[in-house]
N, C-alpha and C. Protein backbone atom coordinates (compact mmCIF):
# COMPACT_ATOMS: atom_id res chain seq x y z
N UNK A 1 45.43 146.15 125.31
CA UNK A 1 46.24 147.33 125.21
C UNK A 1 47.70 146.89 125.21
N UNK A 2 48.48 147.37 124.23
CA UNK A 2 49.86 146.92 124.14
C UNK A 2 50.75 147.64 125.16
N UNK A 3 51.80 146.95 125.55
CA UNK A 3 52.74 147.48 126.53
C UNK A 3 53.84 148.25 125.82
N UNK A 4 54.27 149.32 126.45
CA UNK A 4 55.36 150.11 125.88
C UNK A 4 56.69 149.84 126.55
N UNK A 5 56.75 148.79 127.37
CA UNK A 5 57.97 148.49 128.10
C UNK A 5 59.12 148.30 127.11
N UNK A 6 60.23 148.96 127.39
CA UNK A 6 61.44 148.93 126.58
C UNK A 6 61.27 149.58 125.21
N UNK A 7 60.22 150.36 125.03
CA UNK A 7 60.01 151.08 123.78
C UNK A 7 60.17 152.57 124.05
N UNK A 8 60.77 153.27 123.09
CA UNK A 8 61.00 154.71 123.22
C UNK A 8 60.21 155.43 122.14
N UNK A 9 59.46 156.45 122.56
CA UNK A 9 58.72 157.28 121.62
C UNK A 9 59.04 158.74 121.89
N UNK A 10 58.70 159.58 120.93
CA UNK A 10 58.93 161.02 121.05
C UNK A 10 57.58 161.73 121.03
N UNK A 11 57.44 162.76 121.86
CA UNK A 11 56.26 163.62 121.85
C UNK A 11 56.76 165.05 121.70
N UNK A 12 56.38 165.71 120.61
CA UNK A 12 56.77 167.11 120.43
C UNK A 12 55.73 168.02 121.06
N UNK A 13 56.17 169.19 121.49
CA UNK A 13 55.24 170.13 122.13
C UNK A 13 54.65 169.57 123.40
N UNK A 14 55.45 168.88 124.19
CA UNK A 14 54.96 168.09 125.32
C UNK A 14 54.24 168.89 126.40
N UNK A 15 54.46 170.18 126.47
CA UNK A 15 53.79 170.96 127.52
C UNK A 15 52.39 171.40 127.12
N UNK A 16 51.98 171.12 125.89
CA UNK A 16 50.65 171.48 125.43
C UNK A 16 49.57 170.55 125.96
N UNK A 17 48.33 170.91 125.71
CA UNK A 17 47.18 170.17 126.24
C UNK A 17 47.16 168.71 125.79
N UNK A 18 47.10 168.49 124.49
CA UNK A 18 47.01 167.12 123.96
C UNK A 18 48.29 166.36 124.27
N UNK A 19 49.43 167.00 124.05
CA UNK A 19 50.71 166.32 124.27
C UNK A 19 50.92 165.93 125.73
N UNK A 20 50.49 166.77 126.66
CA UNK A 20 50.61 166.42 128.08
C UNK A 20 49.86 165.13 128.39
N UNK A 21 48.67 165.01 127.82
CA UNK A 21 47.89 163.78 128.01
C UNK A 21 48.57 162.59 127.34
N UNK A 22 49.14 162.80 126.16
CA UNK A 22 49.86 161.72 125.49
C UNK A 22 51.02 161.23 126.36
N UNK A 23 51.80 162.18 126.89
CA UNK A 23 52.93 161.81 127.75
C UNK A 23 52.43 160.99 128.94
N UNK A 24 51.38 161.45 129.58
CA UNK A 24 50.83 160.74 130.75
C UNK A 24 50.42 159.31 130.38
N UNK A 25 49.67 159.16 129.30
CA UNK A 25 49.18 157.83 128.90
C UNK A 25 50.32 156.92 128.44
N UNK A 26 51.29 157.48 127.74
CA UNK A 26 52.43 156.67 127.30
C UNK A 26 53.25 156.18 128.49
N UNK A 27 53.48 157.06 129.47
CA UNK A 27 54.19 156.64 130.68
C UNK A 27 53.42 155.55 131.42
N UNK A 28 52.09 155.69 131.49
CA UNK A 28 51.27 154.68 132.16
C UNK A 28 51.40 153.32 131.49
N UNK A 29 51.63 153.31 130.19
CA UNK A 29 51.75 152.05 129.45
C UNK A 29 53.19 151.53 129.43
N UNK A 30 54.10 152.22 130.11
CA UNK A 30 55.46 151.73 130.24
C UNK A 30 56.47 152.27 129.24
N UNK A 31 56.05 153.15 128.34
CA UNK A 31 56.97 153.72 127.36
C UNK A 31 57.99 154.64 128.03
N UNK A 32 59.16 154.73 127.42
CA UNK A 32 60.10 155.81 127.72
C UNK A 32 59.77 156.92 126.73
N UNK A 33 59.65 158.14 127.23
CA UNK A 33 59.20 159.26 126.40
C UNK A 33 60.28 160.33 126.31
N UNK A 34 60.71 160.61 125.08
CA UNK A 34 61.54 161.77 124.80
C UNK A 34 60.58 162.90 124.44
N UNK A 35 60.56 163.94 125.24
CA UNK A 35 59.56 165.00 125.08
C UNK A 35 60.23 166.33 124.78
N UNK A 36 59.74 167.01 123.75
CA UNK A 36 60.30 168.32 123.43
C UNK A 36 59.46 169.42 124.08
N UNK A 37 60.17 170.40 124.61
CA UNK A 37 59.56 171.62 125.14
C UNK A 37 60.46 172.77 124.74
N UNK A 38 59.89 173.97 124.68
CA UNK A 38 60.72 175.12 124.30
C UNK A 38 61.78 175.43 125.35
N UNK A 39 61.40 175.28 126.63
CA UNK A 39 62.34 175.60 127.70
C UNK A 39 62.19 174.58 128.83
N UNK A 40 63.08 173.58 128.86
CA UNK A 40 62.98 172.55 129.90
C UNK A 40 63.19 173.09 131.32
N UNK A 41 63.71 174.30 131.45
CA UNK A 41 63.97 174.88 132.77
C UNK A 41 62.82 175.74 133.28
N UNK A 42 61.71 175.80 132.54
CA UNK A 42 60.55 176.59 132.96
C UNK A 42 59.57 175.68 133.70
N UNK A 43 59.51 175.79 135.04
CA UNK A 43 58.63 174.89 135.80
C UNK A 43 57.15 175.04 135.43
N UNK A 44 56.73 176.20 134.95
CA UNK A 44 55.32 176.37 134.55
C UNK A 44 54.98 175.46 133.37
N UNK A 45 55.98 175.13 132.57
CA UNK A 45 55.76 174.31 131.38
C UNK A 45 56.14 172.84 131.59
N UNK A 46 56.90 172.55 132.64
CA UNK A 46 57.41 171.18 132.78
C UNK A 46 57.04 170.47 134.08
N UNK A 47 56.74 171.22 135.12
CA UNK A 47 56.51 170.59 136.43
C UNK A 47 55.40 169.54 136.39
N UNK A 48 54.31 169.83 135.67
CA UNK A 48 53.21 168.87 135.60
C UNK A 48 53.64 167.58 134.91
N UNK A 49 54.59 167.68 133.99
CA UNK A 49 55.10 166.48 133.32
C UNK A 49 56.03 165.69 134.24
N UNK A 50 56.89 166.41 134.95
CA UNK A 50 57.86 165.75 135.83
C UNK A 50 57.20 165.08 137.02
N UNK A 51 55.97 165.47 137.35
CA UNK A 51 55.25 164.88 138.48
C UNK A 51 54.44 163.64 138.08
N UNK A 52 54.38 163.32 136.80
CA UNK A 52 53.61 162.16 136.35
C UNK A 52 54.25 160.86 136.83
N UNK A 53 53.41 159.85 137.08
CA UNK A 53 53.91 158.53 137.45
C UNK A 53 54.82 158.01 136.34
N UNK A 54 56.00 157.57 136.71
CA UNK A 54 56.96 157.03 135.75
C UNK A 54 57.88 158.06 135.14
N UNK A 55 57.62 159.34 135.38
CA UNK A 55 58.42 160.40 134.75
C UNK A 55 59.87 160.36 135.21
N UNK A 56 60.07 160.12 136.48
CA UNK A 56 61.44 160.14 137.02
C UNK A 56 62.31 159.11 136.30
N UNK A 57 61.75 157.97 135.99
CA UNK A 57 62.51 156.89 135.36
C UNK A 57 62.50 156.96 133.83
N UNK A 58 61.40 157.43 133.24
CA UNK A 58 61.24 157.24 131.79
C UNK A 58 60.87 158.48 130.98
N UNK A 59 60.92 159.65 131.57
CA UNK A 59 60.63 160.87 130.82
C UNK A 59 61.91 161.68 130.67
N UNK A 60 62.23 162.01 129.44
CA UNK A 60 63.42 162.81 129.14
C UNK A 60 62.98 164.06 128.39
N UNK A 61 63.25 165.22 128.99
CA UNK A 61 62.87 166.49 128.37
C UNK A 61 64.02 167.02 127.52
N UNK A 62 63.68 167.49 126.33
CA UNK A 62 64.65 168.05 125.40
C UNK A 62 64.21 169.45 125.01
N UNK A 63 65.17 170.35 124.92
CA UNK A 63 64.89 171.68 124.37
C UNK A 63 64.94 171.52 122.85
N UNK A 64 63.89 171.96 122.18
CA UNK A 64 63.85 171.85 120.73
C UNK A 64 63.02 173.00 120.16
N UNK A 65 63.43 173.46 119.00
CA UNK A 65 62.75 174.57 118.33
C UNK A 65 62.43 174.12 116.91
N UNK A 66 61.17 174.10 116.56
CA UNK A 66 60.77 173.65 115.23
C UNK A 66 61.36 174.49 114.11
N UNK A 67 61.73 175.72 114.42
CA UNK A 67 62.29 176.60 113.40
C UNK A 67 63.81 176.48 113.29
N UNK A 68 64.39 175.61 114.12
CA UNK A 68 65.85 175.42 114.11
C UNK A 68 66.16 174.03 113.57
N UNK A 69 66.67 173.98 112.35
CA UNK A 69 66.95 172.70 111.72
C UNK A 69 67.94 171.88 112.56
N UNK A 70 67.62 170.62 112.74
CA UNK A 70 68.49 169.71 113.48
C UNK A 70 68.23 169.65 114.97
N UNK A 71 67.39 170.54 115.50
CA UNK A 71 67.20 170.55 116.95
C UNK A 71 66.38 169.36 117.45
N UNK A 72 65.78 168.60 116.54
CA UNK A 72 65.00 167.43 116.93
C UNK A 72 65.75 166.11 116.68
N UNK A 73 66.93 166.19 116.10
CA UNK A 73 67.66 164.98 115.73
C UNK A 73 67.89 164.05 116.91
N UNK A 74 68.45 164.56 118.01
CA UNK A 74 68.73 163.70 119.17
C UNK A 74 67.44 163.26 119.86
N UNK A 75 66.41 164.05 119.72
CA UNK A 75 65.11 163.75 120.34
C UNK A 75 64.46 162.51 119.72
N UNK A 76 64.52 162.40 118.40
CA UNK A 76 63.85 161.29 117.71
C UNK A 76 64.77 160.10 117.46
N UNK A 77 66.08 160.28 117.66
CA UNK A 77 67.03 159.20 117.42
C UNK A 77 66.70 158.00 118.31
N UNK A 78 66.49 156.85 117.70
CA UNK A 78 66.20 155.63 118.43
C UNK A 78 64.74 155.44 118.81
N UNK A 79 63.88 156.37 118.42
CA UNK A 79 62.45 156.26 118.75
C UNK A 79 61.74 155.38 117.74
N UNK A 80 60.80 154.59 118.22
CA UNK A 80 60.01 153.76 117.32
C UNK A 80 58.75 154.47 116.84
N UNK A 81 58.46 155.62 117.44
CA UNK A 81 57.30 156.40 117.02
C UNK A 81 57.44 157.85 117.45
N UNK A 82 56.79 158.73 116.69
CA UNK A 82 56.80 160.16 117.01
C UNK A 82 55.37 160.66 117.03
N UNK A 83 55.00 161.30 118.12
CA UNK A 83 53.70 161.97 118.24
C UNK A 83 53.99 163.46 118.08
N UNK A 84 53.73 163.96 116.89
CA UNK A 84 54.11 165.34 116.57
C UNK A 84 52.91 166.26 116.77
N UNK A 85 52.87 166.93 117.91
CA UNK A 85 51.74 167.82 118.21
C UNK A 85 52.14 169.28 118.16
N UNK A 86 53.43 169.57 118.10
CA UNK A 86 53.89 170.96 118.10
C UNK A 86 53.76 171.56 116.71
N UNK A 87 53.59 172.87 116.68
CA UNK A 87 53.55 173.59 115.42
C UNK A 87 54.02 175.01 115.66
N UNK A 88 54.96 175.49 114.83
CA UNK A 88 55.41 176.87 115.02
C UNK A 88 54.32 177.83 114.57
N UNK A 89 54.07 178.82 115.39
CA UNK A 89 53.03 179.79 115.03
C UNK A 89 53.33 181.11 115.70
N UNK A 90 53.00 182.19 115.00
CA UNK A 90 53.20 183.54 115.52
C UNK A 90 51.85 184.09 115.94
N UNK A 91 51.60 184.12 117.25
CA UNK A 91 50.31 184.58 117.75
C UNK A 91 50.19 186.09 117.79
N UNK A 92 51.21 186.80 117.33
CA UNK A 92 51.10 188.25 117.27
C UNK A 92 50.51 188.70 115.93
N UNK A 93 50.20 187.75 115.05
CA UNK A 93 49.62 188.07 113.75
C UNK A 93 48.23 188.69 113.92
N UNK A 94 47.74 189.32 112.86
CA UNK A 94 46.43 189.97 112.92
C UNK A 94 45.32 189.01 113.30
N UNK A 95 45.33 187.82 112.75
CA UNK A 95 44.32 186.81 113.07
C UNK A 95 45.05 185.54 113.51
N UNK A 96 45.40 185.45 114.80
CA UNK A 96 46.19 184.31 115.26
C UNK A 96 45.54 182.96 115.02
N UNK A 97 44.21 182.88 115.09
CA UNK A 97 43.56 181.58 114.87
C UNK A 97 43.77 181.11 113.43
N UNK A 98 43.73 182.04 112.48
CA UNK A 98 43.97 181.69 111.08
C UNK A 98 45.40 181.19 110.90
N UNK A 99 46.36 181.88 111.49
CA UNK A 99 47.75 181.47 111.37
C UNK A 99 47.99 180.12 112.05
N UNK A 100 47.33 179.90 113.16
CA UNK A 100 47.47 178.62 113.86
C UNK A 100 46.98 177.48 112.97
N UNK A 101 45.81 177.64 112.38
CA UNK A 101 45.26 176.59 111.51
C UNK A 101 46.15 176.38 110.29
N UNK A 102 46.65 177.48 109.72
CA UNK A 102 47.53 177.37 108.57
C UNK A 102 48.81 176.63 108.93
N UNK A 103 49.38 176.94 110.09
CA UNK A 103 50.62 176.27 110.50
C UNK A 103 50.39 174.77 110.66
N UNK A 104 49.25 174.39 111.22
CA UNK A 104 48.94 172.97 111.39
C UNK A 104 48.76 172.28 110.04
N UNK A 105 48.09 172.95 109.10
CA UNK A 105 47.86 172.38 107.77
C UNK A 105 49.18 172.20 107.03
N UNK A 106 50.04 173.21 107.06
CA UNK A 106 51.33 173.12 106.38
C UNK A 106 52.22 172.05 107.02
N UNK A 107 52.18 171.95 108.34
CA UNK A 107 52.98 170.93 109.02
C UNK A 107 52.52 169.53 108.64
N UNK A 108 51.21 169.34 108.57
CA UNK A 108 50.71 168.01 108.19
C UNK A 108 51.08 167.68 106.75
N UNK A 109 50.96 168.65 105.86
CA UNK A 109 51.31 168.42 104.45
C UNK A 109 52.79 168.02 104.33
N UNK A 110 53.65 168.73 105.05
CA UNK A 110 55.08 168.41 105.02
C UNK A 110 55.34 167.01 105.59
N UNK A 111 54.61 166.65 106.64
CA UNK A 111 54.79 165.33 107.25
C UNK A 111 54.38 164.22 106.29
N UNK A 112 53.26 164.41 105.57
CA UNK A 112 52.84 163.40 104.60
C UNK A 112 53.89 163.24 103.50
N UNK A 113 54.42 164.36 103.01
CA UNK A 113 55.44 164.30 101.97
C UNK A 113 56.70 163.59 102.48
N UNK A 114 57.14 163.92 103.69
CA UNK A 114 58.32 163.30 104.27
C UNK A 114 58.12 161.80 104.46
N UNK A 115 56.96 161.42 104.98
CA UNK A 115 56.71 160.00 105.23
C UNK A 115 56.67 159.21 103.92
N UNK A 116 56.10 159.81 102.89
CA UNK A 116 56.04 159.13 101.59
C UNK A 116 57.44 158.98 100.99
N UNK A 117 58.23 160.04 101.05
CA UNK A 117 59.58 160.02 100.49
C UNK A 117 60.49 159.04 101.22
N UNK A 118 60.24 158.82 102.51
CA UNK A 118 61.13 157.99 103.33
C UNK A 118 60.54 156.64 103.71
N UNK A 119 59.38 156.29 103.16
CA UNK A 119 58.76 155.00 103.44
C UNK A 119 58.38 154.80 104.89
N UNK A 120 57.90 155.86 105.52
CA UNK A 120 57.52 155.82 106.93
C UNK A 120 56.00 155.77 107.03
N UNK A 121 55.48 154.85 107.86
CA UNK A 121 54.04 154.81 108.12
C UNK A 121 53.64 156.04 108.92
N UNK A 122 52.52 156.63 108.55
CA UNK A 122 52.06 157.83 109.25
C UNK A 122 50.55 157.80 109.41
N UNK A 123 50.10 158.34 110.52
CA UNK A 123 48.67 158.52 110.79
C UNK A 123 48.50 159.96 111.23
N UNK A 124 47.50 160.64 110.68
CA UNK A 124 47.19 162.01 111.11
C UNK A 124 45.82 161.99 111.76
N UNK A 125 45.75 162.57 112.95
CA UNK A 125 44.46 162.70 113.65
C UNK A 125 44.07 164.16 113.63
N UNK A 126 42.84 164.42 113.22
CA UNK A 126 42.35 165.79 113.11
C UNK A 126 41.06 165.94 113.90
N UNK A 127 41.17 166.04 115.22
CA UNK A 127 39.95 166.15 116.02
C UNK A 127 39.25 167.48 115.78
N UNK A 128 37.95 167.44 115.69
CA UNK A 128 37.18 168.67 115.52
C UNK A 128 37.12 169.49 116.80
N UNK A 129 37.18 168.81 117.92
CA UNK A 129 37.10 169.49 119.21
C UNK A 129 37.79 168.62 120.25
N UNK A 130 38.53 169.26 121.13
CA UNK A 130 39.22 168.55 122.21
C UNK A 130 38.89 169.28 123.50
N UNK A 131 38.43 168.53 124.49
CA UNK A 131 38.15 169.17 125.78
C UNK A 131 38.38 168.16 126.89
N UNK A 132 38.49 168.67 128.08
CA UNK A 132 38.72 167.83 129.24
C UNK A 132 39.59 168.56 130.24
N UNK A 133 39.92 167.89 131.33
CA UNK A 133 40.72 168.55 132.37
C UNK A 133 42.13 168.86 131.87
N UNK A 134 42.66 169.97 132.35
CA UNK A 134 44.03 170.36 132.02
C UNK A 134 45.01 169.64 132.92
N UNK A 135 46.12 169.21 132.38
CA UNK A 135 47.22 168.70 133.19
C UNK A 135 48.19 169.83 133.51
N UNK A 136 48.37 170.74 132.54
CA UNK A 136 49.31 171.83 132.73
C UNK A 136 48.67 172.95 133.56
N UNK A 137 49.49 173.69 134.33
CA UNK A 137 48.94 174.71 135.23
C UNK A 137 48.55 176.01 134.54
N UNK A 138 49.01 176.21 133.32
CA UNK A 138 48.71 177.47 132.62
C UNK A 138 48.01 177.17 131.31
N UNK A 139 47.23 178.14 130.85
CA UNK A 139 46.57 178.00 129.56
C UNK A 139 47.55 178.31 128.45
N UNK A 140 47.55 177.48 127.42
CA UNK A 140 48.35 177.82 126.26
C UNK A 140 47.51 178.65 125.30
N UNK A 141 48.15 179.18 124.29
CA UNK A 141 47.48 180.12 123.39
C UNK A 141 46.31 179.50 122.64
N UNK A 142 46.32 178.18 122.44
CA UNK A 142 45.21 177.57 121.70
C UNK A 142 43.97 177.40 122.57
N UNK A 143 44.13 177.39 123.89
CA UNK A 143 42.98 177.24 124.78
C UNK A 143 42.39 178.58 125.21
N UNK A 144 43.16 179.65 125.08
CA UNK A 144 42.67 180.96 125.51
C UNK A 144 41.37 181.38 124.82
N UNK A 145 41.24 181.20 123.48
CA UNK A 145 39.97 181.60 122.85
C UNK A 145 38.76 180.84 123.41
N UNK A 146 38.95 179.55 123.74
CA UNK A 146 37.86 178.77 124.32
C UNK A 146 37.47 179.33 125.68
N UNK A 147 38.46 179.65 126.50
CA UNK A 147 38.17 180.22 127.81
C UNK A 147 37.44 181.55 127.67
N UNK A 148 37.81 182.33 126.67
CA UNK A 148 37.13 183.60 126.43
C UNK A 148 35.65 183.36 126.12
N UNK A 149 35.36 182.34 125.32
CA UNK A 149 33.96 182.01 125.01
C UNK A 149 33.19 181.66 126.28
N UNK A 150 33.82 180.86 127.14
CA UNK A 150 33.17 180.47 128.39
C UNK A 150 32.93 181.69 129.26
N UNK A 151 33.94 182.53 129.39
CA UNK A 151 33.80 183.73 130.22
C UNK A 151 32.75 184.68 129.65
N UNK A 152 32.70 184.81 128.32
CA UNK A 152 31.68 185.66 127.70
C UNK A 152 30.28 185.11 127.97
N UNK A 153 30.15 183.78 127.94
CA UNK A 153 28.85 183.17 128.24
C UNK A 153 28.47 183.43 129.69
N UNK A 154 29.44 183.35 130.60
CA UNK A 154 29.16 183.65 132.00
C UNK A 154 28.71 185.10 132.16
N UNK A 155 29.35 186.02 131.44
CA UNK A 155 28.99 187.43 131.52
C UNK A 155 27.56 187.63 131.02
N UNK A 156 27.18 186.93 129.97
CA UNK A 156 25.82 187.04 129.46
C UNK A 156 24.81 186.62 130.52
N UNK A 157 25.10 185.55 131.23
CA UNK A 157 24.20 185.09 132.29
C UNK A 157 24.16 186.10 133.43
N UNK A 158 25.32 186.64 133.81
CA UNK A 158 25.35 187.65 134.87
C UNK A 158 24.55 188.88 134.48
N UNK A 159 24.67 189.30 133.23
CA UNK A 159 23.90 190.46 132.76
C UNK A 159 22.40 190.19 132.81
N UNK A 160 22.03 188.96 132.52
CA UNK A 160 20.61 188.59 132.56
C UNK A 160 20.05 188.76 133.97
N UNK A 161 20.86 188.49 134.97
CA UNK A 161 20.40 188.53 136.36
C UNK A 161 20.64 189.87 137.06
N UNK A 162 21.20 190.81 136.35
CA UNK A 162 21.48 192.09 137.00
C UNK A 162 20.19 192.85 137.30
N UNK A 163 20.17 193.50 138.43
CA UNK A 163 19.01 194.32 138.81
C UNK A 163 19.34 195.80 138.68
N UNK A 164 20.52 196.07 138.22
CA UNK A 164 20.96 197.46 138.12
C UNK A 164 20.15 198.25 137.09
N UNK A 165 19.69 197.58 136.06
CA UNK A 165 18.92 198.24 135.02
C UNK A 165 17.57 197.55 134.87
N UNK A 166 16.63 197.80 135.78
CA UNK A 166 15.33 197.12 135.72
C UNK A 166 14.60 197.39 134.40
N UNK A 167 13.93 196.39 133.93
CA UNK A 167 13.15 196.52 132.71
C UNK A 167 13.96 196.32 131.44
N UNK A 168 15.26 196.21 131.58
CA UNK A 168 16.11 196.05 130.40
C UNK A 168 16.20 194.57 130.05
N UNK A 169 16.03 194.26 128.78
CA UNK A 169 16.15 192.87 128.33
C UNK A 169 17.41 192.71 127.51
N UNK A 170 18.02 191.59 127.65
CA UNK A 170 19.20 191.27 126.87
C UNK A 170 18.85 190.08 125.99
N UNK A 171 18.96 190.29 124.70
CA UNK A 171 18.68 189.20 123.77
C UNK A 171 19.95 188.91 123.00
N UNK A 172 20.27 187.63 122.94
CA UNK A 172 21.50 187.22 122.26
C UNK A 172 21.13 186.42 121.03
C-alpha cells in the first residue's frame, strides 16, 4: 500500500457516505486532504470528519459549490489527485432518483471530456451498490431511499406477526 506522506489530494462532497470513507482512508495513509463541503460551519456535516485520526494536522475543509464557477480552484490547486464524489442535484424534482442518476451521468461525461482535452489521467468507478457503516451522523438524500426500503421490510415483518387481525394473511 503506497504512502500518502507529503502528498495532497482533494475530495469533493466530503460529508457524503463514500467521500467520508475516502477522507478517513486517505488520512490513515498519511495524505493531506483538501475536502469540499457545502457548509464547513455545520457540525452535522463536518464533525465526523474533524474527529478522524490525522484530521487536525492534515484535513482542510473548503466551502465549495459545484454550481459556482471557480469555487473549486483553491481546493484543487497543488493537488496530485482529485476524488470527485459530489454532484449537484435538485431533490425537489418529481423523481429525485432519476435526477440524481442523470446528474452523476452528466458529471462523469463532462469529466471524461475535460480529462481528454487536458491530458489528465482519469478513472471512473461506478459501483452497483455501496453499503456499510455510516461515518456521518445524518443520512444524506442518497441513503434515505435505502433506509425506506429497510423500514418497509421491517413493517412487513411486523404486520406478519400482528394478532390484531386474526386469520388475515399478508402476501408480498
